[in-house]
Amino acid sequence: MCLILTYRCNAKCNMCNVWHNPTKSSEEITVGDIDKIPSGLRFINITGGEPFIRRDIDEIIGVIRRKTKRIVISTNGFFTERIVELCRKYPDIGIRISIEGLQRNNDTIRGIPHGFDRGLRTLLILRKMGIRDIGFGMTVQDMNCKDLLPLYELSNALNYEFATATLHNSHYFHKLDNRIKDREMVCREFSRLIEDMLRSNSVKKWFRAYFNFGLMNYIYGGKRLLPCEMGMESCFIDPDGDVLACNGMELKVSMGNIKDMTFDEIWNSEKAEDVRRLVRNCDRQCWMVGSAVPAIKKMKYIHKPAFWIIRNKLRVTLRKKPVLCLPGGKECCV
């Protein structure tokens, strides 16, 4: 489950217009609403907007720690003191700081002066405190693609996790005009990252190489590599309390509102089934962490990424380039 706590944000990102459309704090879901979430979840991601704008985030984490095995908070890392204070109280939570490249590109894209320095400083403090589940998240676009491999190498040097995404359009971002202009340039950088990941001794990085290949495929307009099952095994809850199958649709389609009903009533409702039918017939072909990674891990699909990994791991071991076949028969950036 992904909890979108707020659409208030101190960043002014070029790929997201949430900051033009902030929620009112008085109308956002409360701790009591969040307590309706069922127990036994494998994973909860906390995001926004900027979740550390919520002054009650301490109480929220206290509630959801009873509901799930793992919590990861996605943040721009600017509110260092609040992040450190929360992690001191809950040292088992994960923190992913969105950093859109090296200093100049990050601060330009995010519209936060000294944002790169603040984010990196926050991560360094957390590591010194002994917080283990920390890392970067980067949304790759034309402006910052040349920073992709250097940022990955920095994350390796510091022993941080490294997550990637690319431009998407949806109601969530309040954007419908995000577009990669130079697909070959951007995918060339992805291919370099993929090759580096495949050369590692980490099985996790091999599967992340496959995920990044899926991002290349999405950029070129290909059909999703694996089926989307959003709304069936995972969902979003937005600041208004609406339970959503995903955040990638062009229009917001709610299964029901957690302020008015229990989660079980929403999840098992006819309206929820109608939304799931929309997901099954969705043609947007999104490739985001929230929808792609669960599919990659499922036993009924895992043979596809496994075969791709074995083939390309063998190639790089033999000092050959990976085979990255993309839509239209194009082998991009090989």
C-alpha atoms as a PDB file:
ATOM      1  CA  MET A   1       0.000   0.000   0.000  1.00  0.00           C
ATOM      2  CA  CYS A   2       1.098   3.542  -0.728  1.00  0.00           C
ATOM      3  CA  LEU A   3      -0.142   6.337   1.544  1.00  0.00           C
ATOM      4  CA  ILE A   4      -0.078   9.780  -0.049  1.00  0.00           C
ATOM      5  CA  LEU A   5      -0.225  11.909   3.093  1.00  0.00           C
ATOM      6  CA  THR A   6      -0.396  15.339   1.471  1.00  0.00           C
ATOM      7  CA  TYR A   7      -0.171  17.227  -1.801  1.00  0.00           C
ATOM      8  CA  ARG A   8       1.576  20.103  -0.042  1.00  0.00           C
ATOM      9  CA  CYS A   9       5.199  20.341  -1.153  1.00  0.00           C
ATOM     10  CA  ASN A  10       8.146  22.682  -0.716  1.00  0.00           C
ATOM     11  CA  ALA A  11       9.643  21.585  -4.066  1.00  0.00           C
ATOM     12  CA  LYS A  12       8.693  22.960  -7.480  1.00  0.00           C
ATOM     13  CA  CYS A  13       9.657  20.036  -9.701  1.00  0.00           C
ATOM     14  CA  ASN A  14       9.506  20.487 -13.467  1.00  0.00           C
ATOM     15  CA  MET A  15       7.866  17.063 -13.942  1.00  0.00           C
ATOM     16  CA  CYS A  16       5.196  17.458 -11.248  1.00  0.00           C
ATOM     17  CA  ASN A  17       2.594  20.154 -10.615  1.00  0.00           C
ATOM     18  CA  VAL A  18       1.467  18.973  -7.187  1.00  0.00           C
ATOM     19  CA  TRP A  19       2.862  22.181  -5.702  1.00  0.00           C
ATOM     20  CA  HIS A  20       0.354  24.118  -7.832  1.00  0.00           C
ATOM     21  CA  ASN A  21      -2.474  22.014  -6.376  1.00  0.00           C
ATOM     22  CA  PRO A  22      -1.806  21.594  -2.639  1.00  0.00           C
ATOM     23  CA  THR A  23      -4.307  20.000  -0.297  1.00  0.00           C
ATOM     24  CA  LYS A  24      -5.572  21.836   2.774  1.00  0.00           C
ATOM     25  CA  SER A  25      -4.151  20.416   5.994  1.00  0.00           C
ATOM     26  CA  SER A  26      -7.614  20.487   7.586  1.00  0.00           C
ATOM     27  CA  GLU A  27      -9.002  18.211   4.851  1.00  0.00           C
ATOM     28  CA  GLU A  28      -6.230  15.587   4.719  1.00  0.00           C
ATOM     29  CA  ILE A  29      -6.664  12.073   6.081  1.00  0.00           C
ATOM     30  CA  THR A  30      -6.217  11.867   9.835  1.00  0.00           C
ATOM     31  CA  VAL A  31      -4.419   9.393  12.056  1.00  0.00           C
ATOM     32  CA  GLY A  32      -7.832   7.903  12.830  1.00  0.00           C
ATOM     33  CA  ASP A  33      -8.539   7.387   9.110  1.00  0.00           C
ATOM     34  CA  ILE A  34      -5.148   5.751   8.648  1.00  0.00           C
ATOM     35  CA  ASP A  35      -5.815   3.412  11.569  1.00  0.00           C
ATOM     36  CA  LYS A  36      -8.525   1.787   9.389  1.00  0.00           C
ATOM     37  CA  ILE A  37      -5.808   0.241   7.213  1.00  0.00           C
ATOM     38  CA  PRO A  38      -5.794  -3.548   7.696  1.00  0.00           C
ATOM     39  CA  SER A  39      -2.972  -5.363   9.458  1.00  0.00           C
ATOM     40  CA  GLY A  40      -0.724  -7.947   7.834  1.00  0.00           C
ATOM     41  CA  LEU A  41       0.500  -5.843   4.901  1.00  0.00           C
ATOM     42  CA  ARG A  42       3.905  -6.726   3.461  1.00  0.00           C
ATOM     43  CA  PHE A  43       4.926  -3.135   2.738  1.00  0.00           C
ATOM     44  CA  ILE A  44       3.719   0.459   3.110  1.00  0.00           C
ATOM     45  CA  ASN A  45       5.261   3.372   1.235  1.00  0.00           C
ATOM     46  CA  ILE A  46       4.668   6.868   2.627  1.00  0.00           C
ATOM     47  CA  THR A  47       4.809   9.666   0.071  1.00  0.00           C
ATOM     48  CA  GLY A  48       3.364  13.029  -0.946  1.00  0.00           C
ATOM     49  CA  GLY A  49       3.792  15.893  -1.904  1.00  0.00           C
ATOM     50  CA  GLU A  50       6.393  16.088   0.816  1.00  0.00           C
ATOM     51  CA  PRO A  51       5.320  13.804   3.694  1.00  0.00           C
ATOM     52  CA  PHE A  52       7.492  15.551   6.287  1.00  0.00           C
ATOM     53  CA  ILE A  53       5.312  18.644   5.925  1.00  0.00           C
ATOM     54  CA  ARG A  54       2.782  16.654   7.975  1.00  0.00           C
ATOM     55  CA  ARG A  55       3.430  17.596  11.597  1.00  0.00           C
ATOM     56  CA  ASP A  56       1.718  14.392  12.789  1.00  0.00           C
ATOM     57  CA  ILE A  57       3.955  12.015  10.810  1.00  0.00           C
ATOM     58  CA  ASP A  58       5.316  10.625  14.093  1.00  0.00           C
ATOM     59  CA  GLU A  59       1.807   9.550  15.130  1.00  0.00           C
ATOM     60  CA  ILE A  60       1.110   8.179  11.643  1.00  0.00           C
ATOM     61  CA  ILE A  61       4.212   5.972  11.710  1.00  0.00           C
ATOM     62  CA  GLY A  62       3.278   4.812  15.218  1.00  0.00           C
ATOM     63  CA  VAL A  63      -0.059   3.580  13.865  1.00  0.00           C
ATOM     64  CA  ILE A  64       1.114   1.919  10.659  1.00  0.00           C
ATOM     65  CA  ARG A  65       4.033   0.090  12.309  1.00  0.00           C
ATOM     66  CA  ARG A  66       1.368  -2.241  13.694  1.00  0.00           C
ATOM     67  CA  LYS A  67       0.038  -2.865  10.182  1.00  0.00           C
ATOM     68  CA  THR A  68       3.084  -3.888   8.153  1.00  0.00           C
ATOM     69  CA  LYS A  69       6.493  -5.540   8.181  1.00  0.00           C
ATOM     70  CA  ARG A  70       8.232  -2.690   6.357  1.00  0.00           C
ATOM     71  CA  ILE A  71       7.807   1.072   5.955  1.00  0.00           C
ATOM     72  CA  VAL A  72       9.684   3.274   3.492  1.00  0.00           C
ATOM     73  CA  ILE A  73       9.187   7.048   3.343  1.00  0.00           C
ATOM     74  CA  SER A  74       9.826   8.881   0.052  1.00  0.00           C
ATOM     75  CA  THR A  75      10.987  12.457   0.676  1.00  0.00           C
ATOM     76  CA  ASN A  76      13.031  15.248  -0.886  1.00  0.00           C
ATOM     77  CA  GLY A  77      15.218  15.201   2.244  1.00  0.00           C
ATOM     78  CA  PHE A  78      14.987  18.925   2.925  1.00  0.00           C
ATOM     79  CA  PHE A  79      13.564  18.701   6.449  1.00  0.00           C
ATOM     80  CA  THR A  80      16.671  17.097   7.921  1.00  0.00           C
ATOM     81  CA  GLU A  81      15.853  17.659  11.578  1.00  0.00           C
ATOM     82  CA  ARG A  82      12.357  16.155  11.275  1.00  0.00           C
ATOM     83  CA  ILE A  83      13.681  13.128   9.366  1.00  0.00           C
ATOM     84  CA  VAL A  84      16.481  12.526  11.889  1.00  0.00           C
ATOM     85  CA  GLU A  85      14.098  12.876  14.833  1.00  0.00           C
ATOM     86  CA  LEU A  86      11.669  10.349  13.344  1.00  0.00           C
ATOM     87  CA  CYS A  87      14.431   7.851  12.514  1.00  0.00           C
ATOM     88  CA  ARG A  88      15.866   8.178  15.995  1.00  0.00           C
ATOM     89  CA  LYS A  89      12.493   7.051  17.350  1.00  0.00           C
ATOM     90  CA  TYR A  90      11.847   4.437  14.629  1.00  0.00           C
ATOM     91  CA  PRO A  91      15.284   3.224  13.421  1.00  0.00           C
ATOM     92  CA  ASP A  92      13.780   0.346  11.431  1.00  0.00           C
ATOM     93  CA  ILE A  93      11.987   2.527   8.857  1.00  0.00           C
ATOM     94  CA  GLY A  94      13.402   3.150   5.383  1.00  0.00           C
ATOM     95  CA  ILE A  95      14.122   6.547   3.834  1.00  0.00           C
ATOM     96  CA  ARG A  96      14.373   7.226   0.085  1.00  0.00           C
ATOM     97  CA  ILE A  97      15.480  10.731  -0.805  1.00  0.00           C
ATOM     98  CA  SER A  98      14.570  11.949  -4.285  1.00  0.00           C
ATOM     99  CA  ILE A  99      17.724  13.342  -5.881  1.00  0.00           C
ATOM    100  CA  GLU A 100      17.437  14.219  -9.559  1.00  0.00           C
ATOM    101  CA  GLY A 101      21.092  14.077 -10.502  1.00  0.00           C
ATOM    102  CA  LEU A 102      24.164  15.933  -9.323  1.00  0.00           C
ATOM    103  CA  GLN A 103      23.938  19.333  -7.670  1.00  0.00           C
ATOM    104  CA  ARG A 104      23.163  21.684 -10.568  1.00  0.00           C
ATOM    105  CA  ASN A 105      20.600  19.461 -12.257  1.00  0.00           C
ATOM    106  CA  ASN A 106      18.948  18.380  -9.021  1.00  0.00           C
ATOM    107  CA  ASP A 107      18.499  21.910  -7.731  1.00  0.00           C
ATOM    108  CA  THR A 108      17.228  23.128 -11.131  1.00  0.00           C
ATOM    109  CA  ILE A 109      14.734  20.281 -11.592  1.00  0.00           C
ATOM    110  CA  ARG A 110      13.447  20.371  -8.010  1.00  0.00           C
ATOM    111  CA  GLY A 111      13.465  24.132  -7.577  1.00  0.00           C
ATOM    112  CA  ILE A 112      15.009  23.867  -4.108  1.00  0.00           C
ATOM    113  CA  PRO A 113      18.177  25.929  -3.588  1.00  0.00           C
ATOM    114  CA  HIS A 114      20.883  23.721  -2.048  1.00  0.00           C
ATOM    115  CA  GLY A 115      18.484  20.764  -2.254  1.00  0.00           C
ATOM    116  CA  PHE A 116      21.225  18.333  -3.310  1.00  0.00           C
ATOM    117  CA  ASP A 117      23.402  19.321  -0.365  1.00  0.00           C
ATOM    118  CA  ARG A 118      20.495  19.035   2.080  1.00  0.00           C
ATOM    119  CA  GLY A 119      19.448  15.631   0.762  1.00  0.00           C
ATOM    120  CA  LEU A 120      22.954  14.187   0.810  1.00  0.00           C
ATOM    121  CA  ARG A 121      23.653  15.622   4.246  1.00  0.00           C
ATOM    122  CA  THR A 122      20.463  14.015   5.556  1.00  0.00           C
ATOM    123  CA  LEU A 123      21.535  10.606   4.217  1.00  0.00           C
ATOM    124  CA  LEU A 124      25.008  10.950   5.722  1.00  0.00           C
ATOM    125  CA  ILE A 125      23.550  11.781   9.139  1.00  0.00           C
ATOM    126  CA  LEU A 126      21.176   8.804   8.946  1.00  0.00           C
ATOM    127  CA  ARG A 127      24.025   6.446   8.067  1.00  0.00           C
ATOM    128  CA  LYS A 128      26.097   7.774  10.969  1.00  0.00           C
ATOM    129  CA  MET A 129      23.091   7.056  13.223  1.00  0.00           C
ATOM    130  CA  GLY A 130      23.087   3.445  12.024  1.00  0.00           C
ATOM    131  CA  ILE A 131      19.925   3.659   9.884  1.00  0.00           C
ATOM    132  CA  ARG A 132      20.382   0.910   7.315  1.00  0.00           C
ATOM    133  CA  ASP A 133      17.463   1.164   4.857  1.00  0.00           C
ATOM    134  CA  ILE A 134      18.369   4.419   3.094  1.00  0.00           C
ATOM    135  CA  GLY A 135      19.001   5.504  -0.475  1.00  0.00           C
ATOM    136  CA  PHE A 136      18.392   7.727  -3.497  1.00  0.00           C
ATOM    137  CA  GLY A 137      15.480   7.820  -5.897  1.00  0.00           C
ATOM    138  CA  MET A 138      15.956   9.473  -9.324  1.00  0.00           C
ATOM    139  CA  THR A 139      13.412  10.353 -12.028  1.00  0.00           C
ATOM    140  CA  VAL A 140      15.372  10.286 -15.297  1.00  0.00           C
ATOM    141  CA  GLN A 141      14.660  12.816 -18.056  1.00  0.00           C
ATOM    142  CA  ASP A 142      16.571  14.623 -20.807  1.00  0.00           C
ATOM    143  CA  MET A 143      18.015  17.226 -18.463  1.00  0.00           C
ATOM    144  CA  ASN A 144      19.561  14.835 -15.939  1.00  0.00           C
ATOM    145  CA  CYS A 145      20.208  11.575 -17.821  1.00  0.00           C
ATOM    146  CA  LYS A 146      23.975  12.221 -17.971  1.00  0.00           C
ATOM    147  CA  ASP A 147      23.972  12.174 -14.156  1.00  0.00           C
ATOM    148  CA  LEU A 148      22.363   8.723 -13.969  1.00  0.00           C
ATOM    149  CA  LEU A 149      25.540   6.644 -13.874  1.00  0.00           C
ATOM    150  CA  PRO A 150      27.524   9.077 -11.661  1.00  0.00           C
ATOM    151  CA  LEU A 151      24.693   9.135  -9.112  1.00  0.00           C
ATOM    152  CA  TYR A 152      24.488   5.342  -9.185  1.00  0.00           C
ATOM    153  CA  GLU A 153      28.252   5.153  -8.625  1.00  0.00           C
ATOM    154  CA  LEU A 154      27.925   7.592  -5.717  1.00  0.00           C
ATOM    155  CA  SER A 155      25.197   5.429  -4.174  1.00  0.00           C
ATOM    156  CA  ASN A 156      27.446   2.369  -4.520  1.00  0.00           C
ATOM    157  CA  ALA A 157      30.385   4.170  -2.918  1.00  0.00           C
ATOM    158  CA  LEU A 158      28.203   5.151   0.045  1.00  0.00           C
ATOM    159  CA  ASN A 159      26.431   1.757   0.151  1.00  0.00           C
ATOM    160  CA  TYR A 160      22.985   3.298  -0.428  1.00  0.00           C
ATOM    161  CA  GLU A 161      20.022   1.840  -2.286  1.00  0.00           C
ATOM    162  CA  PHE A 162      19.377   3.345  -5.727  1.00  0.00           C
ATOM    163  CA  ALA A 163      15.905   3.500  -7.296  1.00  0.00           C
ATOM    164  CA  THR A 164      14.994   4.866 -10.727  1.00  0.00           C
ATOM    165  CA  ALA A 165      11.913   6.124 -12.533  1.00  0.00           C
ATOM    166  CA  THR A 166      11.217   8.126 -15.657  1.00  0.00           C
ATOM    167  CA  LEU A 167       8.653  10.718 -16.714  1.00  0.00           C
ATOM    168  CA  HIS A 168       4.989   9.693 -16.458  1.00  0.00           C
ATOM    169  CA  ASN A 169       1.758  11.638 -16.854  1.00  0.00           C
ATOM    170  CA  SER A 170      -1.269  11.221 -14.604  1.00  0.00           C
ATOM    171  CA  HIS A 171      -3.774  12.972 -12.366  1.00  0.00           C
ATOM    172  CA  TYR A 172      -1.339  12.354  -9.493  1.00  0.00           C
ATOM    173  CA  PHE A 173       1.313  14.629 -10.985  1.00  0.00           C
ATOM    174  CA  HIS A 174      -1.260  17.072 -12.410  1.00  0.00           C
ATOM    175  CA  LYS A 175       0.772  16.744 -15.617  1.00  0.00           C
ATOM    176  CA  LEU A 176      -0.152  15.441 -19.049  1.00  0.00           C
ATOM    177  CA  ASP A 177       2.744  16.896 -21.082  1.00  0.00           C
ATOM    178  CA  ASN A 178       5.800  15.157 -19.609  1.00  0.00           C
ATOM    179  CA  ARG A 179       7.838  13.776 -22.489  1.00  0.00           C
ATOM    180  CA  ILE A 180      11.322  12.439 -23.188  1.00  0.00           C
ATOM    181  CA  LYS A 181      12.507  14.428 -26.222  1.00  0.00           C
ATOM    182  CA  ASP A 182      15.753  12.607 -27.024  1.00  0.00           C
ATOM    183  CA  ARG A 183      14.885   8.964 -26.409  1.00  0.00           C
ATOM    184  CA  GLU A 184      18.158   7.626 -27.774  1.00  0.00           C
ATOM    185  CA  MET A 185      20.264   9.838 -25.524  1.00  0.00           C
ATOM    186  CA  VAL A 186      18.267   8.953 -22.400  1.00  0.00           C
ATOM    187  CA  CYS A 187      18.163   5.230 -23.191  1.00  0.00           C
ATOM    188  CA  ARG A 188      21.894   5.225 -23.922  1.00  0.00           C
ATOM    189  CA  GLU A 189      22.443   6.251 -20.306  1.00  0.00           C
ATOM    190  CA  PHE A 190      20.004   3.598 -19.091  1.00  0.00           C
ATOM    191  CA  SER A 191      21.880   0.970 -21.114  1.00  0.00           C
ATOM    192  CA  ARG A 192      25.162   1.963 -19.452  1.00  0.00           C
ATOM    193  CA  LEU A 193      23.488   1.638 -16.043  1.00  0.00           C
ATOM    194  CA  ILE A 194      22.046  -1.770 -16.973  1.00  0.00           C
ATOM    195  CA  GLU A 195      25.427  -3.071 -18.081  1.00  0.00           C
ATOM    196  CA  ASP A 196      27.048  -1.877 -14.863  1.00  0.00           C
ATOM    197  CA  MET A 197      24.339  -3.540 -12.752  1.00  0.00           C
ATOM    198  CA  LEU A 198      24.708  -6.814 -14.646  1.00  0.00           C
ATOM    199  CA  ARG A 199      28.470  -6.786 -14.080  1.00  0.00           C
ATOM    200  CA  SER A 200      27.921  -6.682 -10.307  1.00  0.00           C
ATOM    201  CA  ASN A 201      27.737  -9.743  -8.050  1.00  0.00           C
ATOM    202  CA  SER A 202      24.368  -8.681  -6.628  1.00  0.00           C
ATOM    203  CA  VAL A 203      21.255 -10.633  -7.643  1.00  0.00           C
ATOM    204  CA  LYS A 204      19.164  -7.657  -6.524  1.00  0.00           C
ATOM    205  CA  LYS A 205      21.024  -5.417  -8.983  1.00  0.00           C
ATOM    206  CA  TRP A 206      20.473  -7.935 -11.794  1.00  0.00           C
ATOM    207  CA  PHE A 207      16.723  -7.682 -11.249  1.00  0.00           C
ATOM    208  CA  ARG A 208      17.018  -3.904 -11.051  1.00  0.00           C
ATOM    209  CA  ALA A 209      18.762  -4.022 -14.427  1.00  0.00           C
ATOM    210  CA  TYR A 210      15.637  -5.742 -15.774  1.00  0.00           C
ATOM    211  CA  PHE A 211      13.444  -3.048 -14.186  1.00  0.00           C
ATOM    212  CA  ASN A 212      15.533  -0.359 -15.896  1.00  0.00           C
ATOM    213  CA  PHE A 213      15.199  -2.211 -19.192  1.00  0.00           C
ATOM    214  CA  GLY A 214      11.437  -1.911 -18.606  1.00  0.00           C
ATOM    215  CA  LEU A 215      11.866   1.863 -18.271  1.00  0.00           C
ATOM    216  CA  MET A 216      13.646   1.946 -21.643  1.00  0.00           C
ATOM    217  CA  ASN A 217      10.835  -0.098 -23.155  1.00  0.00           C
ATOM    218  CA  TYR A 218       8.274   2.353 -21.701  1.00  0.00           C
ATOM    219  CA  ILE A 219      10.168   5.368 -23.069  1.00  0.00           C
ATOM    220  CA  TYR A 220       9.997   3.806 -26.545  1.00  0.00           C
ATOM    221  CA  GLY A 221       6.245   3.210 -26.208  1.00  0.00           C
ATOM    222  CA  GLY A 222       6.388  -0.560 -25.820  1.00  0.00           C
ATOM    223  CA  LYS A 223       3.825  -2.812 -24.203  1.00  0.00           C
ATOM    224  CA  ARG A 224       4.505  -3.539 -20.535  1.00  0.00           C
ATOM    225  CA  LEU A 225       6.963  -6.389 -20.080  1.00  0.00           C
ATOM    226  CA  LEU A 226       4.723  -7.925 -17.382  1.00  0.00           C
ATOM    227  CA  PRO A 227       0.990  -7.563 -16.619  1.00  0.00           C
ATOM    228  CA  CYS A 228      -0.250  -4.831 -14.281  1.00  0.00           C
ATOM    229  CA  GLU A 229      -2.158  -6.076 -11.228  1.00  0.00           C
ATOM    230  CA  MET A 230      -2.715  -2.781  -9.424  1.00  0.00           C
ATOM    231  CA  GLY A 231      -5.903  -2.708  -7.406  1.00  0.00           C
ATOM    232  CA  MET A 232      -5.751  -6.450  -6.868  1.00  0.00           C
ATOM    233  CA  GLU A 233      -2.812  -6.882  -4.499  1.00  0.00           C
ATOM    234  CA  SER A 234      -1.888  -3.263  -3.851  1.00  0.00           C
ATOM    235  CA  CYS A 235      -3.410   0.198  -3.813  1.00  0.00           C
ATOM    236  CA  PHE A 236      -2.979   3.884  -2.979  1.00  0.00           C
ATOM    237  CA  ILE A 237      -4.788   6.023  -0.443  1.00  0.00           C
ATOM    238  CA  ASP A 238      -4.651   9.722  -1.281  1.00  0.00           C
ATOM    239  CA  PRO A 239      -4.820  12.757   1.034  1.00  0.00           C
ATOM    240  CA  ASP A 240      -8.597  13.022   0.520  1.00  0.00           C
ATOM    241  CA  GLY A 241      -9.022   9.446   1.782  1.00  0.00           C
ATOM    242  CA  ASP A 242      -9.848   7.954  -1.609  1.00  0.00           C
ATOM    243  CA  VAL A 243      -8.643   4.384  -2.164  1.00  0.00           C
ATOM    244  CA  LEU A 244      -7.150   4.175  -5.672  1.00  0.00           C
ATOM    245  CA  ALA A 245      -6.014   1.183  -7.690  1.00  0.00           C
ATOM    246  CA  CYS A 246      -2.991   3.195  -8.819  1.00  0.00           C
ATOM    247  CA  ASN A 247      -1.695   6.712  -9.342  1.00  0.00           C
ATOM    248  CA  GLY A 248      -0.938   6.312 -13.049  1.00  0.00           C
ATOM    249  CA  MET A 249      -4.369   6.829 -14.577  1.00  0.00           C
ATOM    250  CA  GLU A 250      -5.137  10.002 -16.484  1.00  0.00           C
ATOM    251  CA  LEU A 251      -8.235  10.582 -14.328  1.00  0.00           C
ATOM    252  CA  LYS A 252      -8.683   9.807 -10.658  1.00  0.00           C
ATOM    253  CA  VAL A 253     -10.976   6.790 -10.139  1.00  0.00           C
ATOM    254  CA  SER A 254     -11.806   5.962  -6.520  1.00  0.00           C
ATOM    255  CA  MET A 255     -12.871   2.614  -5.085  1.00  0.00           C
ATOM    256  CA  GLY A 256     -14.331   4.397  -2.066  1.00  0.00           C
ATOM    257  CA  ASN A 257     -13.298   6.746   0.718  1.00  0.00           C
ATOM    258  CA  ILE A 258     -11.651   5.598   3.927  1.00  0.00           C
ATOM    259  CA  LYS A 259     -13.254   8.506   5.809  1.00  0.00           C
ATOM    260  CA  ASP A 260     -16.722   7.092   5.164  1.00  0.00           C
ATOM    261  CA  MET A 261     -16.224   3.302   5.118  1.00  0.00           C
ATOM    262  CA  THR A 262     -14.010   0.554   6.474  1.00  0.00           C
ATOM    263  CA  PHE A 263     -11.201  -0.633   4.233  1.00  0.00           C
ATOM    264  CA  ASP A 264     -12.796  -4.083   3.860  1.00  0.00           C
ATOM    265  CA  GLU A 265     -16.079  -2.518   2.725  1.00  0.00           C
ATOM    266  CA  ILE A 266     -14.222  -0.530   0.083  1.00  0.00           C
ATOM    267  CA  TRP A 267     -11.940  -3.364  -1.075  1.00  0.00           C
ATOM    268  CA  ASN A 268     -14.822  -5.834  -1.498  1.00  0.00           C
ATOM    269  CA  SER A 269     -17.315  -3.423  -3.043  1.00  0.00           C
ATOM    270  CA  GLU A 270     -18.839  -3.454  -6.524  1.00  0.00           C
ATOM    271  CA  LYS A 271     -17.204  -0.094  -7.140  1.00  0.00           C
ATOM    272  CA  ALA A 272     -13.800  -1.647  -6.454  1.00  0.00           C
ATOM    273  CA  GLU A 273     -14.544  -4.395  -8.971  1.00  0.00           C
ATOM    274  CA  ASP A 274     -15.468  -1.771 -11.551  1.00  0.00           C
ATOM    275  CA  VAL A 275     -12.115  -0.056 -10.977  1.00  0.00           C
ATOM    276  CA  ARG A 276     -10.253  -3.369 -11.316  1.00  0.00           C
ATOM    277  CA  ARG A 277     -11.935  -3.916 -14.676  1.00  0.00           C
ATOM    278  CA  LEU A 278     -10.642  -0.505 -15.750  1.00  0.00           C
ATOM    279  CA  VAL A 279      -7.131  -1.523 -14.690  1.00  0.00           C
ATOM    280  CA  ARG A 280      -7.330  -4.784 -16.636  1.00  0.00           C
ATOM    281  CA  ASN A 281      -8.305  -2.818 -19.754  1.00  0.00           C
ATOM    282  CA  CYS A 282      -5.871   0.068 -19.168  1.00  0.00           C
ATOM    283  CA  ASP A 283      -3.635   0.850 -22.160  1.00  0.00           C
ATOM    284  CA  ARG A 284      -1.225   3.319 -20.517  1.00  0.00           C
ATOM    285  CA  GLN A 285       1.576   0.716 -20.184  1.00  0.00           C
ATOM    286  CA  CYS A 286       3.054   2.454 -17.106  1.00  0.00           C
ATOM    287  CA  TRP A 287       6.251   1.022 -15.663  1.00  0.00           C
ATOM    288  CA  MET A 288       6.598   2.303 -12.112  1.00  0.00           C
ATOM    289  CA  VAL A 289       8.198   0.691  -9.080  1.00  0.00           C
ATOM    290  CA  GLY A 290       4.836   0.227  -7.359  1.00  0.00           C
ATOM    291  CA  SER A 291       3.332  -1.807 -10.192  1.00  0.00           C
ATOM    292  CA  ALA A 292       6.390  -3.370 -11.830  1.00  0.00           C
ATOM    293  CA  VAL A 293       8.364  -4.710  -8.862  1.00  0.00           C
ATOM    294  CA  PRO A 294       5.491  -6.788  -7.391  1.00  0.00           C
ATOM    295  CA  ALA A 295       4.953  -8.336 -10.844  1.00  0.00           C
ATOM    296  CA  ILE A 296       8.677  -9.087 -11.219  1.00  0.00           C
ATOM    297  CA  LYS A 297       8.654 -10.932  -7.877  1.00  0.00           C
ATOM    298  CA  LYS A 298       5.578 -13.067  -8.593  1.00  0.00           C
ATOM    299  CA  MET A 299       6.275 -16.753  -9.214  1.00  0.00           C
ATOM    300  CA  LYS A 300       3.957 -16.886 -12.220  1.00  0.00           C
ATOM    301  CA  TYR A 301       5.948 -14.158 -14.011  1.00  0.00           C
ATOM    302  CA  ILE A 302       9.473 -14.546 -12.649  1.00  0.00           C
ATOM    303  CA  HIS A 303      10.622 -16.779 -15.520  1.00  0.00           C
ATOM    304  CA  LYS A 304      10.554 -13.747 -17.856  1.00  0.00           C
ATOM    305  CA  PRO A 305      12.967 -11.515 -15.938  1.00  0.00           C
ATOM    306  CA  ALA A 306      15.017 -14.569 -14.942  1.00  0.00           C
ATOM    307  CA  PHE A 307      15.535 -15.595 -18.589  1.00  0.00           C
ATOM    308  CA  TRP A 308      16.452 -12.007 -19.539  1.00  0.00           C
ATOM    309  CA  ILE A 309      18.936 -11.825 -16.646  1.00  0.00           C
ATOM    310  CA  ILE A 310      20.581 -15.190 -17.413  1.00  0.00           C
ATOM    311  CA  ARG A 311      20.988 -14.274 -21.077  1.00  0.00           C
ATOM    312  CA  ASN A 312      22.450 -10.847 -20.456  1.00  0.00           C
ATOM    313  CA  LYS A 313      24.511 -11.776 -17.403  1.00  0.00           C
ATOM    314  CA  LEU A 314      26.177 -14.423 -19.548  1.00  0.00           C
ATOM    315  CA  ARG A 315      26.833 -11.860 -22.282  1.00  0.00           C
ATOM    316  CA  VAL A 316      28.506  -9.316 -19.997  1.00  0.00           C
ATOM    317  CA  THR A 317      30.519 -12.109 -18.354  1.00  0.00           C
ATOM    318  CA  LEU A 318      31.818 -12.905 -21.838  1.00  0.00           C
ATOM    319  CA  ARG A 319      32.553  -9.165 -22.282  1.00  0.00           C
ATOM    320  CA  LYS A 320      29.715  -8.663 -24.726  1.00  0.00           C
ATOM    321  CA  LYS A 321      27.056  -5.982 -24.574  1.00  0.00           C
ATOM    322  CA  PRO A 322      23.581  -6.834 -23.219  1.00  0.00           C
ATOM    323  CA  VAL A 323      20.879  -7.359 -25.847  1.00  0.00           C
ATOM    324  CA  LEU A 324      18.256  -4.663 -25.254  1.00  0.00           C
ATOM    325  CA  CYS A 325      15.542  -5.317 -27.835  1.00  0.00           C
ATOM    326  CA  LEU A 326      12.985  -2.527 -27.878  1.00  0.00           C
ATOM    327  CA  PRO A 327       9.719  -1.855 -29.778  1.00  0.00           C
ATOM    328  CA  GLY A 328       9.982  -1.967 -33.564  1.00  0.00           C
ATOM    329  CA  GLY A 329      12.890  -4.398 -33.475  1.00  0.00           C
ATOM    330  CA  LYS A 330      15.245  -1.623 -32.354  1.00  0.00           C
ATOM    331  CA  GLU A 331      18.267  -2.636 -30.317  1.00  0.00           C
ATOM    332  CA  CYS A 332      18.920   0.631 -28.548  1.00  0.00           C
ATOM    333  CA  CYS A 333      22.294   1.750 -27.312  1.00  0.00           C
ATOM    334  CA  VAL A 334      23.875  -1.718 -27.462  1.00  0.00           C
END
